[in-house]
Every structure is written in C-alpha cells, then in structure tokens.
Amino acid sequence: TRVSKESIFSDLNNLQVITTTSDLYADCFGFTESEVFHVLDEFGMGDKKDEVKQWYDGFTFGEHKDIYNPWSIINFLENKKIDTYWADTSSNSLINHLIKKSTASADVKEKMEDLLNGREIVVSFDEQIVYNQLDHNENAIWSLLLASGYLKVKHVDYRGITREPWYTLDITNIETLSMFTTMFQDWFQNQDANYG
C-alpha cells in the first residue's frame, strides 16, 4: 500500500502508482506457467503440474494471468513436497488486525464467508489507499488483501459516470485458502470464547 499521497506541495510528486491491476510491468512479477511447467519437467516432477497449479498459481498482474508464487515454487522444488511456504514467511498481523476490525461489519463478514466457501465476491474500494487510512475505511481490507496477494482480480467493471471500479475477487490459490482458513478459525474461536 502507499505510504502517502503526493501533491503539488509534496517533496516528491508526479509518481506513477503501479497496482496489481496495472498493465505496466505486469510481466515482471512471478513465474509464468510455461516456466514452472518446464522446470517441473527438468526436475523430473512433471506429474505434479496439476497439484502445483492448484496450490501456487493464481496471481494476476494487469492482463497477465497464471502467475506462480516464486518463493513457493523454489521451496517446492527444493523440498519436493506441497506446503504453505509463502504463508509461513509472515505473521500476517496487519491482515489479522484488519480482518478482526472489518468483520464487525455484517457485509464484510458475509463476503469473507463467501470467499472461504469458494465463491467470488464483488466489491468497490480504493486500490491506491494510503497506509494510514487502512484503519478508517471498512473496504480497506479488500485493497490490502489484493495488494498482498491473498486475493486475485477476476474482473474489473467500471460503473457509472465516474467510472467507479468494482472488482470481482477470489482467493488466489489453495495456499492462500489455507492461510484464510487458519486466520478465520482463530478469529471464530476467539469470538465463541468471548460470547460463549
């Protein structure tokens, strides 16, 4: 997420902000499917392509789809087993905090449950939200989850005279689904303990 927005009064201005839906530099992130499948063949693991795709594919950058998480692929090749490699690199504390805060809203909670049940959601949010606004905007959770790679954009629909973007989002892959499930199990258990 952005640290601050620049203006004509900023020390630094006229920056071009690149987000996950931007086409500029979209081909510079992650491994493509052909790269991953080639290296799986090279490592004698061509029979694992479907499983690797389900677990580590799904990232999108602009119009580029079928982008694989490099950290997870490298670790899978080294360890020769499916695991939550990327998920284990972070405590996810900021995301946990925002989920706890956001799920006080029935709408956000329902959308999170839809995601966990394998359904897409459609939401509108500011993809360029500033970091210090995350706590003050109910829809900031979607921007953070998208920017962090936990969700992927399936489609953007620009509506109305102001061309407000509405994003169709889905959980990126099984690895990120595993992270969501763990986060929500912890959250729901805490809720049950508080109200039980």
N, C-alpha and C. Protein backbone atom coordinates (compact mmCIF):
# COMPACT_ATOMS: atom_id res chain seq x y z
N THR A 1 0.85 -1.19 0.00
CA THR A 1 0.00 0.00 0.00
C THR A 1 0.88 1.24 0.00
N ARG A 2 0.29 2.35 -0.40
CA ARG A 2 1.04 3.60 -0.46
C ARG A 2 1.26 4.15 0.94
N VAL A 3 2.40 4.80 1.16
CA VAL A 3 2.69 5.42 2.44
C VAL A 3 1.94 6.74 2.54
N SER A 4 1.94 7.51 1.47
CA SER A 4 1.20 8.78 1.45
C SER A 4 0.89 9.13 0.01
N LYS A 5 -0.05 10.04 -0.15
CA LYS A 5 -0.36 10.53 -1.48
C LYS A 5 0.41 11.82 -1.70
N GLU A 6 0.92 11.99 -2.89
CA GLU A 6 1.70 13.18 -3.19
C GLU A 6 0.79 14.26 -3.76
N SER A 7 1.24 15.49 -3.65
CA SER A 7 0.50 16.62 -4.21
C SER A 7 1.53 17.61 -4.77
N ILE A 8 1.04 18.73 -5.26
CA ILE A 8 1.98 19.73 -5.79
C ILE A 8 2.85 20.30 -4.67
N PHE A 9 2.43 20.10 -3.42
CA PHE A 9 3.20 20.61 -2.28
C PHE A 9 4.13 19.56 -1.68
N SER A 10 4.12 18.35 -2.24
CA SER A 10 4.99 17.28 -1.73
C SER A 10 6.42 17.49 -2.18
N ASP A 11 7.35 16.96 -1.40
CA ASP A 11 8.75 16.98 -1.83
C ASP A 11 8.94 16.10 -3.06
N LEU A 12 8.13 15.07 -3.16
CA LEU A 12 8.21 14.14 -4.29
C LEU A 12 6.82 14.02 -4.88
N ASN A 13 6.69 14.31 -6.16
CA ASN A 13 5.37 14.20 -6.77
C ASN A 13 5.49 13.71 -8.20
N ASN A 14 4.35 13.57 -8.83
CA ASN A 14 4.25 13.07 -10.21
C ASN A 14 4.72 11.63 -10.35
N LEU A 15 4.53 10.84 -9.29
CA LEU A 15 4.84 9.42 -9.38
C LEU A 15 3.71 8.69 -10.08
N GLN A 16 4.06 7.64 -10.80
CA GLN A 16 3.04 6.78 -11.37
C GLN A 16 2.90 5.58 -10.46
N VAL A 17 1.71 5.38 -9.92
CA VAL A 17 1.47 4.30 -8.98
C VAL A 17 1.08 3.04 -9.76
N ILE A 18 1.78 1.97 -9.52
CA ILE A 18 1.53 0.70 -10.19
C ILE A 18 0.86 -0.23 -9.19
N THR A 19 -0.30 -0.76 -9.56
CA THR A 19 -1.03 -1.68 -8.69
C THR A 19 -1.10 -3.05 -9.38
N THR A 20 -1.74 -4.01 -8.72
CA THR A 20 -1.82 -5.35 -9.31
C THR A 20 -2.68 -5.38 -10.57
N THR A 21 -3.53 -4.38 -10.77
CA THR A 21 -4.36 -4.36 -11.98
C THR A 21 -3.74 -3.53 -13.09
N SER A 22 -2.59 -2.91 -12.83
CA SER A 22 -1.90 -2.13 -13.85
C SER A 22 -1.22 -3.04 -14.86
N ASP A 23 -1.23 -2.63 -16.11
CA ASP A 23 -0.55 -3.42 -17.14
C ASP A 23 0.94 -3.12 -17.21
N LEU A 24 1.34 -1.92 -16.80
CA LEU A 24 2.75 -1.56 -16.83
C LEU A 24 3.53 -2.46 -15.86
N TYR A 25 4.57 -3.09 -16.34
CA TYR A 25 5.42 -4.01 -15.57
C TYR A 25 4.71 -5.30 -15.18
N ALA A 26 3.53 -5.56 -15.74
CA ALA A 26 2.76 -6.75 -15.34
C ALA A 26 3.50 -8.04 -15.65
N ASP A 27 4.41 -8.02 -16.61
CA ASP A 27 5.15 -9.24 -16.97
C ASP A 27 6.45 -9.40 -16.18
N CYS A 28 6.62 -8.60 -15.13
CA CYS A 28 7.87 -8.63 -14.36
C CYS A 28 7.75 -9.31 -13.00
N PHE A 29 6.59 -9.89 -12.72
CA PHE A 29 6.36 -10.47 -11.39
C PHE A 29 6.09 -11.96 -11.51
N GLY A 30 6.67 -12.74 -10.62
CA GLY A 30 6.36 -14.16 -10.54
C GLY A 30 6.88 -14.98 -11.69
N PHE A 31 6.57 -16.27 -11.65
CA PHE A 31 6.92 -17.21 -12.71
C PHE A 31 5.68 -17.49 -13.55
N THR A 32 5.87 -17.57 -14.85
CA THR A 32 4.76 -17.92 -15.73
C THR A 32 4.51 -19.43 -15.67
N GLU A 33 3.35 -19.84 -16.15
CA GLU A 33 3.02 -21.26 -16.13
C GLU A 33 3.99 -22.07 -17.00
N SER A 34 4.37 -21.53 -18.14
CA SER A 34 5.30 -22.28 -19.00
C SER A 34 6.66 -22.44 -18.32
N GLU A 35 7.11 -21.41 -17.59
CA GLU A 35 8.38 -21.52 -16.85
C GLU A 35 8.29 -22.59 -15.77
N VAL A 36 7.18 -22.58 -15.03
CA VAL A 36 7.01 -23.54 -13.94
C VAL A 36 6.91 -24.96 -14.48
N PHE A 37 6.12 -25.15 -15.52
CA PHE A 37 5.97 -26.50 -16.09
C PHE A 37 7.29 -27.00 -16.67
N HIS A 38 8.06 -26.11 -17.27
CA HIS A 38 9.37 -26.50 -17.82
C HIS A 38 10.31 -26.97 -16.71
N VAL A 39 10.37 -26.21 -15.61
CA VAL A 39 11.29 -26.58 -14.53
C VAL A 39 10.80 -27.84 -13.82
N LEU A 40 9.49 -28.04 -13.73
CA LEU A 40 8.99 -29.29 -13.14
C LEU A 40 9.44 -30.49 -13.97
N ASP A 41 9.37 -30.35 -15.29
CA ASP A 41 9.87 -31.42 -16.18
C ASP A 41 11.36 -31.63 -15.97
N GLU A 42 12.11 -30.54 -15.86
CA GLU A 42 13.57 -30.62 -15.67
C GLU A 42 13.93 -31.34 -14.36
N PHE A 43 13.10 -31.16 -13.34
CA PHE A 43 13.34 -31.77 -12.03
C PHE A 43 12.70 -33.16 -11.93
N GLY A 44 12.14 -33.65 -13.04
CA GLY A 44 11.51 -34.97 -13.03
C GLY A 44 10.21 -35.02 -12.25
N MET A 45 9.53 -33.87 -12.15
CA MET A 45 8.28 -33.80 -11.39
C MET A 45 7.12 -33.33 -12.26
N GLY A 46 7.17 -33.69 -13.54
CA GLY A 46 6.12 -33.29 -14.46
C GLY A 46 4.74 -33.80 -14.07
N ASP A 47 4.69 -34.88 -13.31
CA ASP A 47 3.40 -35.43 -12.87
C ASP A 47 2.76 -34.59 -11.77
N LYS A 48 3.46 -33.59 -11.26
CA LYS A 48 2.95 -32.74 -10.18
C LYS A 48 2.35 -31.43 -10.69
N LYS A 49 2.25 -31.25 -12.01
CA LYS A 49 1.82 -29.96 -12.57
C LYS A 49 0.44 -29.54 -12.07
N ASP A 50 -0.53 -30.43 -12.07
CA ASP A 50 -1.89 -30.07 -11.65
C ASP A 50 -1.92 -29.64 -10.18
N GLU A 51 -1.23 -30.38 -9.34
CA GLU A 51 -1.21 -30.07 -7.91
C GLU A 51 -0.50 -28.75 -7.65
N VAL A 52 0.63 -28.53 -8.32
CA VAL A 52 1.38 -27.29 -8.17
C VAL A 52 0.53 -26.11 -8.65
N LYS A 53 -0.19 -26.29 -9.75
CA LYS A 53 -1.06 -25.23 -10.27
C LYS A 53 -2.13 -24.87 -9.24
N GLN A 54 -2.77 -25.84 -8.64
CA GLN A 54 -3.83 -25.57 -7.66
C GLN A 54 -3.28 -24.85 -6.43
N TRP A 55 -2.08 -25.19 -6.03
CA TRP A 55 -1.52 -24.62 -4.81
C TRP A 55 -0.85 -23.27 -5.01
N TYR A 56 -0.14 -23.06 -6.12
CA TYR A 56 0.74 -21.89 -6.22
C TYR A 56 0.44 -20.95 -7.38
N ASP A 57 -0.48 -21.31 -8.28
CA ASP A 57 -0.86 -20.45 -9.39
C ASP A 57 -1.96 -19.51 -8.92
N GLY A 58 -2.33 -18.58 -9.77
CA GLY A 58 -3.50 -17.76 -9.50
C GLY A 58 -3.22 -16.28 -9.40
N PHE A 59 -1.99 -15.88 -9.28
CA PHE A 59 -1.70 -14.45 -9.19
C PHE A 59 -1.95 -13.79 -10.54
N THR A 60 -2.46 -12.57 -10.49
CA THR A 60 -2.69 -11.82 -11.73
C THR A 60 -2.06 -10.45 -11.58
N PHE A 61 -1.46 -9.99 -12.65
CA PHE A 61 -0.89 -8.64 -12.71
C PHE A 61 -1.34 -8.05 -14.04
N GLY A 62 -2.20 -7.04 -13.97
CA GLY A 62 -2.77 -6.49 -15.19
C GLY A 62 -3.51 -7.58 -15.93
N GLU A 63 -3.18 -7.75 -17.19
CA GLU A 63 -3.82 -8.77 -18.02
C GLU A 63 -3.10 -10.12 -17.94
N HIS A 64 -1.98 -10.17 -17.22
CA HIS A 64 -1.21 -11.41 -17.12
C HIS A 64 -1.79 -12.31 -16.04
N LYS A 65 -2.20 -13.50 -16.44
CA LYS A 65 -2.78 -14.46 -15.52
C LYS A 65 -1.88 -15.70 -15.45
N ASP A 66 -2.20 -16.62 -14.59
CA ASP A 66 -1.41 -17.83 -14.39
C ASP A 66 0.03 -17.50 -14.01
N ILE A 67 0.15 -16.62 -13.02
CA ILE A 67 1.46 -16.28 -12.46
C ILE A 67 1.61 -17.05 -11.15
N TYR A 68 2.76 -17.69 -10.98
CA TYR A 68 3.04 -18.54 -9.83
C TYR A 68 3.91 -17.81 -8.81
N ASN A 69 3.71 -18.13 -7.55
CA ASN A 69 4.49 -17.56 -6.47
C ASN A 69 5.92 -18.12 -6.51
N PRO A 70 6.92 -17.27 -6.78
CA PRO A 70 8.30 -17.76 -6.89
C PRO A 70 8.83 -18.42 -5.62
N TRP A 71 8.53 -17.82 -4.46
CA TRP A 71 9.04 -18.38 -3.20
C TRP A 71 8.53 -19.80 -3.00
N SER A 72 7.24 -20.00 -3.25
CA SER A 72 6.65 -21.32 -3.06
C SER A 72 7.20 -22.32 -4.06
N ILE A 73 7.36 -21.91 -5.30
CA ILE A 73 7.88 -22.81 -6.34
C ILE A 73 9.31 -23.23 -6.01
N ILE A 74 10.15 -22.28 -5.64
CA ILE A 74 11.55 -22.59 -5.32
C ILE A 74 11.62 -23.57 -4.14
N ASN A 75 10.81 -23.33 -3.12
CA ASN A 75 10.81 -24.22 -1.95
C ASN A 75 10.22 -25.59 -2.29
N PHE A 76 9.20 -25.62 -3.14
CA PHE A 76 8.64 -26.90 -3.56
C PHE A 76 9.69 -27.72 -4.31
N LEU A 77 10.43 -27.08 -5.20
CA LEU A 77 11.47 -27.80 -5.95
C LEU A 77 12.56 -28.33 -5.03
N GLU A 78 12.88 -27.54 -4.00
CA GLU A 78 13.94 -27.97 -3.07
C GLU A 78 13.46 -29.09 -2.16
N ASN A 79 12.25 -28.97 -1.62
CA ASN A 79 11.75 -29.92 -0.63
C ASN A 79 10.95 -31.07 -1.23
N LYS A 80 10.53 -30.89 -2.50
CA LYS A 80 9.77 -31.93 -3.22
C LYS A 80 8.47 -32.32 -2.52
N LYS A 81 7.83 -31.33 -1.88
CA LYS A 81 6.52 -31.59 -1.28
C LYS A 81 5.71 -30.29 -1.25
N ILE A 82 4.39 -30.44 -1.32
CA ILE A 82 3.46 -29.32 -1.24
C ILE A 82 3.40 -28.86 0.21
N ASP A 83 3.50 -27.54 0.41
CA ASP A 83 3.40 -26.98 1.75
C ASP A 83 3.05 -25.49 1.62
N THR A 84 2.75 -24.86 2.74
CA THR A 84 2.41 -23.44 2.75
C THR A 84 3.68 -22.61 2.95
N TYR A 85 4.53 -22.61 1.95
CA TYR A 85 5.83 -21.94 2.07
C TYR A 85 5.69 -20.43 2.21
N TRP A 86 4.90 -19.82 1.34
CA TRP A 86 4.74 -18.37 1.37
C TRP A 86 4.01 -17.95 2.64
N ALA A 87 3.00 -18.68 3.00
CA ALA A 87 2.21 -18.37 4.20
C ALA A 87 3.08 -18.35 5.45
N ASP A 88 4.10 -19.15 5.47
CA ASP A 88 4.94 -19.27 6.64
C ASP A 88 6.02 -18.19 6.74
N THR A 89 6.03 -17.24 5.78
CA THR A 89 7.06 -16.20 5.80
C THR A 89 6.62 -14.96 6.55
N SER A 90 5.37 -14.89 7.00
CA SER A 90 4.86 -13.68 7.63
C SER A 90 3.92 -14.04 8.77
N SER A 91 3.82 -13.13 9.74
CA SER A 91 2.89 -13.35 10.84
C SER A 91 1.47 -12.92 10.46
N ASN A 92 1.34 -12.16 9.37
CA ASN A 92 0.03 -11.68 8.91
C ASN A 92 -0.68 -10.83 9.96
N SER A 93 0.06 -10.18 10.85
CA SER A 93 -0.57 -9.45 11.96
C SER A 93 -1.42 -8.28 11.48
N LEU A 94 -0.97 -7.54 10.46
CA LEU A 94 -1.77 -6.41 9.96
C LEU A 94 -3.07 -6.92 9.35
N ILE A 95 -2.98 -7.99 8.58
CA ILE A 95 -4.18 -8.55 7.97
C ILE A 95 -5.11 -9.11 9.05
N ASN A 96 -4.57 -9.81 10.03
CA ASN A 96 -5.39 -10.30 11.14
C ASN A 96 -6.11 -9.16 11.85
N HIS A 97 -5.39 -8.07 12.08
CA HIS A 97 -5.97 -6.90 12.75
C HIS A 97 -7.12 -6.33 11.92
N LEU A 98 -6.90 -6.16 10.62
CA LEU A 98 -7.95 -5.59 9.77
C LEU A 98 -9.14 -6.53 9.63
N ILE A 99 -8.89 -7.83 9.57
CA ILE A 99 -10.00 -8.78 9.49
C ILE A 99 -10.85 -8.69 10.76
N LYS A 100 -10.20 -8.66 11.91
CA LYS A 100 -10.94 -8.56 13.16
C LYS A 100 -11.77 -7.28 13.20
N LYS A 101 -11.17 -6.18 12.76
CA LYS A 101 -11.87 -4.90 12.77
C LYS A 101 -12.98 -4.88 11.72
N SER A 102 -12.70 -5.39 10.53
CA SER A 102 -13.66 -5.33 9.42
C SER A 102 -14.84 -6.26 9.60
N THR A 103 -14.62 -7.41 10.23
CA THR A 103 -15.70 -8.38 10.34
C THR A 103 -16.74 -7.97 11.38
N ALA A 104 -16.54 -6.81 12.01
CA ALA A 104 -17.62 -6.24 12.82
C ALA A 104 -18.77 -5.83 11.89
N SER A 105 -18.44 -5.57 10.64
CA SER A 105 -19.45 -5.26 9.62
C SER A 105 -20.04 -6.57 9.10
N ALA A 106 -21.36 -6.68 9.11
CA ALA A 106 -22.03 -7.90 8.62
C ALA A 106 -21.71 -8.14 7.16
N ASP A 107 -21.60 -7.06 6.37
CA ASP A 107 -21.32 -7.20 4.94
C ASP A 107 -19.94 -7.79 4.70
N VAL A 108 -18.93 -7.28 5.40
CA VAL A 108 -17.56 -7.79 5.23
C VAL A 108 -17.49 -9.24 5.71
N LYS A 109 -18.11 -9.52 6.84
CA LYS A 109 -18.09 -10.88 7.37
C LYS A 109 -18.73 -11.85 6.38
N GLU A 110 -19.86 -11.46 5.79
CA GLU A 110 -20.55 -12.31 4.81
C GLU A 110 -19.68 -12.54 3.58
N LYS A 111 -19.01 -11.49 3.13
CA LYS A 111 -18.13 -11.63 1.96
C LYS A 111 -16.93 -12.54 2.26
N MET A 112 -16.39 -12.43 3.47
CA MET A 112 -15.28 -13.31 3.87
C MET A 112 -15.75 -14.77 3.88
N GLU A 113 -16.96 -15.00 4.39
CA GLU A 113 -17.50 -16.36 4.42
C GLU A 113 -17.73 -16.87 3.00
N ASP A 114 -18.19 -16.00 2.10
CA ASP A 114 -18.36 -16.39 0.70
C ASP A 114 -17.02 -16.83 0.11
N LEU A 115 -15.97 -16.06 0.36
CA LEU A 115 -14.64 -16.42 -0.15
C LEU A 115 -14.21 -17.78 0.38
N LEU A 116 -14.40 -18.00 1.67
CA LEU A 116 -13.99 -19.27 2.28
C LEU A 116 -14.80 -20.45 1.75
N ASN A 117 -16.01 -20.17 1.25
CA ASN A 117 -16.86 -21.22 0.68
C ASN A 117 -16.69 -21.35 -0.83
N GLY A 118 -15.62 -20.75 -1.37
CA GLY A 118 -15.29 -20.94 -2.78
C GLY A 118 -16.06 -20.05 -3.73
N ARG A 119 -16.70 -19.01 -3.21
CA ARG A 119 -17.45 -18.10 -4.08
C ARG A 119 -16.67 -16.81 -4.30
N GLU A 120 -16.88 -16.20 -5.46
CA GLU A 120 -16.30 -14.90 -5.76
C GLU A 120 -17.13 -13.82 -5.07
N ILE A 121 -16.50 -12.68 -4.83
CA ILE A 121 -17.23 -11.53 -4.31
C ILE A 121 -17.03 -10.34 -5.24
N VAL A 122 -17.94 -9.38 -5.19
CA VAL A 122 -17.82 -8.16 -5.98
C VAL A 122 -17.85 -6.99 -5.01
N VAL A 123 -16.78 -6.19 -5.01
CA VAL A 123 -16.65 -5.07 -4.08
C VAL A 123 -16.01 -3.88 -4.78
N SER A 124 -16.23 -2.72 -4.21
CA SER A 124 -15.60 -1.49 -4.70
C SER A 124 -14.69 -0.95 -3.60
N PHE A 125 -13.49 -0.52 -3.96
CA PHE A 125 -12.55 0.01 -2.98
C PHE A 125 -11.50 0.82 -3.70
N ASP A 126 -10.71 1.55 -2.94
CA ASP A 126 -9.61 2.35 -3.49
C ASP A 126 -8.36 1.48 -3.52
N GLU A 127 -7.96 1.09 -4.71
CA GLU A 127 -6.79 0.22 -4.85
C GLU A 127 -5.50 0.93 -4.43
N GLN A 128 -5.54 2.26 -4.39
CA GLN A 128 -4.35 3.04 -4.03
C GLN A 128 -4.49 3.65 -2.64
N ILE A 129 -5.20 2.97 -1.75
CA ILE A 129 -5.42 3.50 -0.41
C ILE A 129 -4.09 3.72 0.29
N VAL A 130 -4.04 4.76 1.09
CA VAL A 130 -2.83 5.12 1.82
C VAL A 130 -2.79 4.32 3.13
N TYR A 131 -1.60 3.90 3.51
CA TYR A 131 -1.40 3.02 4.66
C TYR A 131 -2.12 3.51 5.92
N ASN A 132 -2.01 4.81 6.23
CA ASN A 132 -2.60 5.29 7.48
C ASN A 132 -4.13 5.40 7.41
N GLN A 133 -4.74 5.13 6.25
CA GLN A 133 -6.19 5.12 6.13
C GLN A 133 -6.77 3.71 6.30
N LEU A 134 -5.93 2.70 6.40
CA LEU A 134 -6.40 1.32 6.48
C LEU A 134 -7.35 1.10 7.65
N ASP A 135 -7.07 1.73 8.78
CA ASP A 135 -7.89 1.54 9.97
C ASP A 135 -9.21 2.30 9.92
N HIS A 136 -9.35 3.23 8.99
CA HIS A 136 -10.51 4.11 8.98
C HIS A 136 -11.47 3.84 7.82
N ASN A 137 -11.20 2.82 7.04
CA ASN A 137 -12.02 2.56 5.87
C ASN A 137 -12.40 1.08 5.87
N GLU A 138 -13.69 0.80 5.99
CA GLU A 138 -14.17 -0.58 6.08
C GLU A 138 -13.74 -1.42 4.88
N ASN A 139 -13.70 -0.83 3.69
CA ASN A 139 -13.34 -1.58 2.49
C ASN A 139 -11.84 -1.68 2.26
N ALA A 140 -11.05 -1.11 3.17
CA ALA A 140 -9.59 -1.16 3.03
C ALA A 140 -9.08 -2.59 3.06
N ILE A 141 -9.80 -3.48 3.74
CA ILE A 141 -9.36 -4.87 3.84
C ILE A 141 -9.20 -5.49 2.45
N TRP A 142 -10.09 -5.14 1.51
CA TRP A 142 -10.02 -5.71 0.16
C TRP A 142 -8.79 -5.21 -0.57
N SER A 143 -8.48 -3.92 -0.41
CA SER A 143 -7.30 -3.35 -1.04
C SER A 143 -6.03 -4.00 -0.52
N LEU A 144 -5.95 -4.18 0.80
CA LEU A 144 -4.77 -4.79 1.40
C LEU A 144 -4.63 -6.26 0.99
N LEU A 145 -5.73 -7.00 1.00
CA LEU A 145 -5.67 -8.41 0.63
C LEU A 145 -5.29 -8.60 -0.83
N LEU A 146 -5.75 -7.68 -1.69
CA LEU A 146 -5.37 -7.74 -3.10
C LEU A 146 -3.89 -7.38 -3.28
N ALA A 147 -3.47 -6.28 -2.67
CA ALA A 147 -2.08 -5.83 -2.80
C ALA A 147 -1.10 -6.85 -2.23
N SER A 148 -1.55 -7.60 -1.21
CA SER A 148 -0.68 -8.59 -0.57
C SER A 148 -0.66 -9.93 -1.28
N GLY A 149 -1.56 -10.13 -2.24
CA GLY A 149 -1.58 -11.39 -2.98
C GLY A 149 -2.53 -12.44 -2.45
N TYR A 150 -3.27 -12.14 -1.40
CA TYR A 150 -4.19 -13.11 -0.82
C TYR A 150 -5.45 -13.28 -1.68
N LEU A 151 -5.80 -12.21 -2.40
CA LEU A 151 -6.93 -12.26 -3.33
C LEU A 151 -6.44 -11.94 -4.72
N LYS A 152 -7.19 -12.41 -5.72
CA LYS A 152 -6.87 -12.10 -7.10
C LYS A 152 -8.08 -11.47 -7.77
N VAL A 153 -7.81 -10.63 -8.74
CA VAL A 153 -8.87 -9.98 -9.51
C VAL A 153 -9.26 -10.88 -10.66
N LYS A 154 -10.54 -11.22 -10.72
CA LYS A 154 -11.05 -11.99 -11.85
C LYS A 154 -11.54 -11.06 -12.96
N HIS A 155 -12.06 -9.89 -12.53
CA HIS A 155 -12.63 -8.94 -13.49
C HIS A 155 -12.80 -7.58 -12.81
N VAL A 156 -12.63 -6.51 -13.57
CA VAL A 156 -12.93 -5.16 -13.08
C VAL A 156 -14.00 -4.57 -13.98
N ASP A 157 -15.06 -4.06 -13.35
CA ASP A 157 -16.16 -3.45 -14.08
C ASP A 157 -16.23 -1.98 -13.66
N TYR A 158 -16.13 -1.07 -14.61
CA TYR A 158 -16.18 0.36 -14.30
C TYR A 158 -17.61 0.86 -14.48
N ARG A 159 -18.21 1.35 -13.39
CA ARG A 159 -19.63 1.67 -13.39
C ARG A 159 -19.87 3.17 -13.22
N GLY A 160 -20.98 3.59 -13.80
CA GLY A 160 -21.46 4.94 -13.59
C GLY A 160 -20.66 5.99 -14.32
N ILE A 161 -21.10 7.22 -14.16
CA ILE A 161 -20.48 8.35 -14.86
C ILE A 161 -19.06 8.60 -14.36
N THR A 162 -18.80 8.23 -13.09
CA THR A 162 -17.45 8.43 -12.54
C THR A 162 -16.53 7.25 -12.79
N ARG A 163 -17.06 6.21 -13.43
CA ARG A 163 -16.27 5.01 -13.76
C ARG A 163 -15.66 4.38 -12.51
N GLU A 164 -16.46 4.27 -11.46
CA GLU A 164 -16.02 3.66 -10.21
C GLU A 164 -15.72 2.18 -10.44
N PRO A 165 -14.52 1.72 -10.04
CA PRO A 165 -14.18 0.31 -10.28
C PRO A 165 -14.85 -0.63 -9.29
N TRP A 166 -15.44 -1.70 -9.79
CA TRP A 166 -16.00 -2.78 -8.99
C TRP A 166 -15.20 -4.03 -9.34
N TYR A 167 -14.61 -4.65 -8.34
CA TYR A 167 -13.70 -5.77 -8.53
C TYR A 167 -14.40 -7.09 -8.20
N THR A 168 -14.27 -8.05 -9.11
CA THR A 168 -14.67 -9.41 -8.81
C THR A 168 -13.43 -10.11 -8.29
N LEU A 169 -13.48 -10.56 -7.04
CA LEU A 169 -12.31 -11.12 -6.36
C LEU A 169 -12.54 -12.56 -5.96
N ASP A 170 -11.43 -13.28 -5.87
CA ASP A 170 -11.45 -14.68 -5.45
C ASP A 170 -10.16 -14.94 -4.67
N ILE A 171 -10.16 -15.95 -3.84
CA ILE A 171 -8.93 -16.35 -3.15
C ILE A 171 -7.96 -16.87 -4.20
N THR A 172 -6.70 -16.51 -4.06
CA THR A 172 -5.71 -16.74 -5.10
C THR A 172 -5.47 -18.20 -5.43
N ASN A 173 -5.28 -19.04 -4.42
CA ASN A 173 -5.00 -20.46 -4.66
C ASN A 173 -5.17 -21.23 -3.35
N ILE A 174 -4.84 -22.51 -3.36
CA ILE A 174 -5.03 -23.33 -2.16
C ILE A 174 -4.11 -22.88 -1.03
N GLU A 175 -2.91 -22.45 -1.35
CA GLU A 175 -2.01 -21.97 -0.30
C GLU A 175 -2.62 -20.78 0.44
N THR A 176 -3.17 -19.82 -0.28
CA THR A 176 -3.79 -18.67 0.39
C THR A 176 -5.10 -19.07 1.05
N LEU A 177 -5.84 -20.01 0.50
CA LEU A 177 -7.05 -20.52 1.15
C LEU A 177 -6.69 -21.12 2.50
N SER A 178 -5.58 -21.83 2.56
CA SER A 178 -5.11 -22.42 3.81
C SER A 178 -4.84 -21.33 4.85
N MET A 179 -4.24 -20.21 4.42
CA MET A 179 -3.97 -19.11 5.35
C MET A 179 -5.27 -18.49 5.85
N PHE A 180 -6.22 -18.26 4.92
CA PHE A 180 -7.51 -17.70 5.31
C PHE A 180 -8.22 -18.60 6.31
N THR A 181 -8.24 -19.87 6.02
CA THR A 181 -8.95 -20.81 6.88
C THR A 181 -8.37 -20.76 8.29
N THR A 182 -7.05 -20.76 8.41
CA THR A 182 -6.40 -20.69 9.72
C THR A 182 -6.74 -19.39 10.43
N MET A 183 -6.66 -18.25 9.70
CA MET A 183 -6.97 -16.96 10.32
C MET A 183 -8.40 -16.93 10.83
N PHE A 184 -9.33 -17.45 10.03
CA PHE A 184 -10.73 -17.38 10.42
C PHE A 184 -11.08 -18.38 11.50
N GLN A 185 -10.45 -19.53 11.53
CA GLN A 185 -10.68 -20.47 12.62
C GLN A 185 -10.28 -19.83 13.94
N ASP A 186 -9.12 -19.18 13.94
CA ASP A 186 -8.66 -18.49 15.15
C ASP A 186 -9.63 -17.38 15.54
N TRP A 187 -10.08 -16.61 14.54
CA TRP A 187 -10.97 -15.49 14.82
C TRP A 187 -12.31 -15.98 15.36
N PHE A 188 -12.90 -17.01 14.71
CA PHE A 188 -14.20 -17.52 15.16
C PHE A 188 -14.10 -18.17 16.54
N GLN A 189 -12.97 -18.86 16.81
CA GLN A 189 -12.79 -19.45 18.13
C GLN A 189 -12.74 -18.38 19.20
N ASN A 190 -12.05 -17.26 18.90
CA ASN A 190 -11.97 -16.15 19.86
C ASN A 190 -13.36 -15.53 20.07
N GLN A 191 -14.12 -15.42 18.98
CA GLN A 191 -15.48 -14.87 19.08
C GLN A 191 -16.34 -15.77 19.96
N ASP A 192 -16.26 -17.09 19.72
CA ASP A 192 -17.06 -18.03 20.51
C ASP A 192 -16.67 -17.97 21.99
N ALA A 193 -15.38 -17.83 22.25
CA ALA A 193 -14.91 -17.75 23.64
C ALA A 193 -15.43 -16.47 24.30
N ASN A 194 -15.48 -15.37 23.54
CA ASN A 194 -15.94 -14.09 24.10
C ASN A 194 -17.44 -14.09 24.37
N TYR A 195 -18.20 -14.83 23.53
CA TYR A 195 -19.65 -14.80 23.67
C TYR A 195 -20.22 -16.10 24.27
N GLY A 196 -19.36 -17.10 24.47
CA GLY A 196 -19.83 -18.39 24.96
C GLY A 196 -19.95 -18.39 26.42
